C-alpha atoms as a PDB file:
ATOM      1  CA  MET A   1     -19.273   1.292  14.182  1.00  0.00           C
ATOM      2  CA  THR A   2     -20.113   4.106  11.761  1.00  0.00           C
ATOM      3  CA  THR A   3     -17.552   6.431  10.238  1.00  0.00           C
ATOM      4  CA  PRO A   4     -17.491   8.732   7.272  1.00  0.00           C
ATOM      5  CA  TRP A   5     -15.381   7.945   4.165  1.00  0.00           C
ATOM      6  CA  SER A   6     -12.587  10.346   3.223  1.00  0.00           C
ATOM      7  CA  PRO A   7     -10.704  10.207   0.033  1.00  0.00           C
ATOM      8  CA  ALA A   8      -7.578  10.670   2.176  1.00  0.00           C
ATOM      9  CA  HIS A   9      -7.829   6.826   2.643  1.00  0.00           C
ATOM     10  CA  ALA A  10      -6.357   4.694  -0.271  1.00  0.00           C
ATOM     11  CA  SER A  11      -8.959   1.863   0.433  1.00  0.00           C
ATOM     12  CA  LEU A  12     -11.604   0.525   2.797  1.00  0.00           C
ATOM     13  CA  LEU A  13      -8.780  -1.387   4.478  1.00  0.00           C
ATOM     14  CA  ASP A  14      -6.918   1.872   5.167  1.00  0.00           C
ATOM     15  CA  LEU A  15     -10.181   3.303   6.679  1.00  0.00           C
ATOM     16  CA  ALA A  16     -10.552   0.203   8.809  1.00  0.00           C
ATOM     17  CA  GLU A  17      -6.973   0.425  10.051  1.00  0.00           C
ATOM     18  CA  ALA A  18      -7.420   4.084  10.866  1.00  0.00           C
ATOM     19  CA  CYS A  19     -10.310   3.095  13.035  1.00  0.00           C
ATOM     20  CA  ASP A  20      -8.392   0.280  14.690  1.00  0.00           C
ATOM     21  CA  ILE A  21     -10.673  -2.397  13.335  1.00  0.00           C
ATOM     22  CA  PRO A  22      -8.656  -5.644  12.948  1.00  0.00           C
ATOM     23  CA  THR A  23      -8.902  -6.661   9.375  1.00  0.00           C
ATOM     24  CA  ARG A  24      -7.140  -9.640   7.574  1.00  0.00           C
ATOM     25  CA  TRP A  25      -4.947  -8.760   4.596  1.00  0.00           C
ATOM     26  CA  THR A  26      -1.783  -9.711   2.894  1.00  0.00           C
ATOM     27  CA  CYS A  27      -1.253  -8.051  -0.464  1.00  0.00           C
ATOM     28  CA  ARG A  28      -3.199  -4.752  -0.760  1.00  0.00           C
ATOM     29  CA  THR A  29      -3.509  -5.231  -4.425  1.00  0.00           C
ATOM     30  CA  GLY A  30      -6.383  -7.753  -4.918  1.00  0.00           C
ATOM     31  CA  VAL A  31      -4.227 -10.783  -5.541  1.00  0.00           C
ATOM     32  CA  CYS A  32      -4.432 -12.984  -2.421  1.00  0.00           C
ATOM     33  CA  HIS A  33      -8.080 -12.589  -1.535  1.00  0.00           C
ATOM     34  CA  THR A  34      -7.149 -12.657   2.173  1.00  0.00           C
ATOM     35  CA  CYS A  35      -9.301  -9.571   2.819  1.00  0.00           C
ATOM     36  CA  ILE A  36     -12.572 -10.825   1.409  1.00  0.00           C
ATOM     37  CA  THR A  37     -15.295  -9.249   3.388  1.00  0.00           C
ATOM     38  CA  HIS A  38     -19.122  -9.445   3.144  1.00  0.00           C
ATOM     39  CA  LEU A  39     -20.776  -6.388   1.577  1.00  0.00           C
ATOM     40  CA  VAL A  40     -24.157  -6.054   3.427  1.00  0.00           C
ATOM     41  CA  ALA A  41     -25.225  -2.920   1.472  1.00  0.00           C
ATOM     42  CA  GLY A  42     -23.891  -0.310  -0.879  1.00  0.00           C
ATOM     43  CA  ASP A  43     -21.628  -0.222  -3.861  1.00  0.00           C
ATOM     44  CA  ILE A  44     -17.822  -0.056  -4.248  1.00  0.00           C
ATOM     45  CA  THR A  45     -15.276   0.443  -6.969  1.00  0.00           C
ATOM     46  CA  TYR A  46     -11.911  -1.138  -7.244  1.00  0.00           C
ATOM     47  CA  THR A  47      -8.916   1.182  -7.317  1.00  0.00           C
ATOM     48  CA  THR A  48      -6.844  -1.781  -8.696  1.00  0.00           C
ATOM     49  CA  GLN A  49      -8.718  -4.371 -10.605  1.00  0.00           C
ATOM     50  CA  PRO A  50      -8.449  -7.752  -8.852  1.00  0.00           C
ATOM     51  CA  LEU A  51      -6.884 -10.592 -10.797  1.00  0.00           C
ATOM     52  CA  GLU A  52     -10.125 -12.472  -9.966  1.00  0.00           C
ATOM     53  CA  LEU A  53     -13.322 -10.930  -8.613  1.00  0.00           C
ATOM     54  CA  PRO A  54     -14.670 -12.360  -5.406  1.00  0.00           C
ATOM     55  CA  GLU A  55     -18.038 -14.142  -5.348  1.00  0.00           C
ATOM     56  CA  ALA A  56     -21.163 -12.023  -5.305  1.00  0.00           C
ATOM     57  CA  GLY A  57     -21.857 -10.349  -1.974  1.00  0.00           C
ATOM     58  CA  THR A  58     -18.187  -9.944  -1.045  1.00  0.00           C
ATOM     59  CA  ILE A  59     -15.569  -7.474  -1.735  1.00  0.00           C
ATOM     60  CA  LEU A  60     -11.809  -7.034  -1.423  1.00  0.00           C
ATOM     61  CA  VAL A  61     -11.338  -4.212   1.093  1.00  0.00           C
ATOM     62  CA  CYS A  62      -7.625  -3.828   0.303  1.00  0.00           C
ATOM     63  CA  CYS A  63      -8.280  -2.219  -3.048  1.00  0.00           C
ATOM     64  CA  SER A  64     -11.812  -0.992  -2.927  1.00  0.00           C
ATOM     65  CA  ASN A  65     -13.456   2.487  -2.332  1.00  0.00           C
ATOM     66  CA  PRO A  66     -17.130   3.069  -1.626  1.00  0.00           C
ATOM     67  CA  THR A  67     -19.166   4.785  -4.415  1.00  0.00           C
ATOM     68  CA  THR A  68     -22.260   4.928  -2.015  1.00  0.00           C
ATOM     69  CA  GLU A  69     -22.721   4.455   1.716  1.00  0.00           C
ATOM     70  CA  VAL A  70     -21.632   0.892   2.451  1.00  0.00           C
ATOM     71  CA  VAL A  71     -22.226  -1.565   5.176  1.00  0.00           C
ATOM     72  CA  LEU A  72     -19.557  -4.219   5.813  1.00  0.00           C
ATOM     73  CA  ASP A  73     -19.581  -7.302   7.947  1.00  0.00           C
ATOM     74  CA  LEU A  74     -16.085  -6.988   9.342  1.00  0.00           C
END
Protein backbone atom coordinates (compact mmCIF):
# COMPACT_ATOMS: atom_id res chain seq x y z
CA MET A 1 0.00 0.00 0.00
CA THR A 2 1.25 3.48 -0.82
CA THR A 3 -0.05 6.58 0.93
CA PRO A 4 1.22 10.13 1.28
CA TRP A 5 2.44 11.44 4.61
CA SER A 6 0.58 14.33 6.20
CA PRO A 7 1.75 16.35 9.21
CA ALA A 8 -1.84 16.00 10.43
CA HIS A 9 -0.75 12.57 11.72
CA ALA A 10 1.14 12.52 15.00
CA SER A 11 3.21 9.48 13.96
CA LEU A 12 3.60 6.70 11.43
CA LEU A 13 1.40 4.62 13.73
CA ASP A 14 -1.39 7.20 13.40
CA LEU A 15 -1.05 7.08 9.61
CA ALA A 16 -1.20 3.27 9.64
CA GLU A 17 -4.33 3.37 11.77
CA ALA A 18 -5.92 5.94 9.45
CA CYS A 19 -5.31 3.49 6.58
CA ASP A 20 -6.77 0.56 8.57
CA ILE A 21 -3.40 -1.23 8.66
CA PRO A 22 -3.28 -3.44 11.76
CA THR A 23 -0.22 -2.47 13.76
CA ARG A 24 0.90 -3.68 17.17
CA TRP A 25 1.44 -1.00 19.81
CA THR A 26 0.94 -0.33 23.50
CA CYS A 27 2.49 2.90 24.76
CA ARG A 28 2.76 5.43 21.89
CA THR A 29 5.83 6.95 23.56
CA GLY A 30 8.73 4.67 22.60
CA VAL A 31 8.90 2.88 25.94
CA CYS A 32 7.49 -0.62 25.37
CA HIS A 33 8.95 -1.43 21.91
CA THR A 34 5.79 -3.35 20.94
CA CYS A 35 5.59 -1.40 17.67
CA ILE A 36 9.08 -2.22 16.35
CA THR A 37 8.84 -2.29 12.56
CA HIS A 38 11.41 -3.01 9.87
CA LEU A 39 12.49 0.09 7.95
CA VAL A 40 13.13 -1.10 4.40
CA ALA A 41 14.07 2.32 3.00
CA GLY A 42 14.06 5.97 3.98
CA ASP A 43 14.70 8.01 7.09
CA ILE A 44 12.65 8.96 10.13
CA THR A 45 12.89 11.21 13.12
CA TYR A 46 11.52 10.52 16.58
CA THR A 47 8.93 12.97 17.90
CA THR A 48 9.60 11.59 21.37
CA GLN A 49 13.07 10.18 21.94
CA PRO A 50 12.70 6.49 22.88
CA LEU A 51 14.23 5.35 26.16
CA GLU A 52 16.27 2.87 24.13
CA LEU A 53 16.70 2.97 20.37
CA PRO A 54 15.68 -0.18 18.49
CA GLU A 55 18.34 -2.14 16.62
CA ALA A 56 19.55 -0.94 13.24
CA GLY A 57 17.05 -1.41 10.43
CA THR A 58 14.04 -1.10 12.72
CA ILE A 59 12.01 1.82 14.03
CA LEU A 60 9.31 2.51 16.59
CA VAL A 61 6.32 3.63 14.54
CA CYS A 62 4.46 4.93 17.60
CA CYS A 63 6.72 7.95 17.96
CA SER A 64 8.33 8.45 14.54
CA ASN A 65 7.69 10.64 11.51
CA PRO A 66 9.28 10.28 8.08
CA THR A 67 11.92 12.78 6.98
CA THR A 68 12.08 11.20 3.51
CA GLU A 69 9.87 8.76 1.64
CA VAL A 70 9.86 5.56 3.69
CA VAL A 71 9.10 1.92 3.01
CA LEU A 72 8.03 -0.11 6.04
CA ASP A 73 7.54 -3.84 6.41
CA LEU A 74 4.29 -3.79 8.37
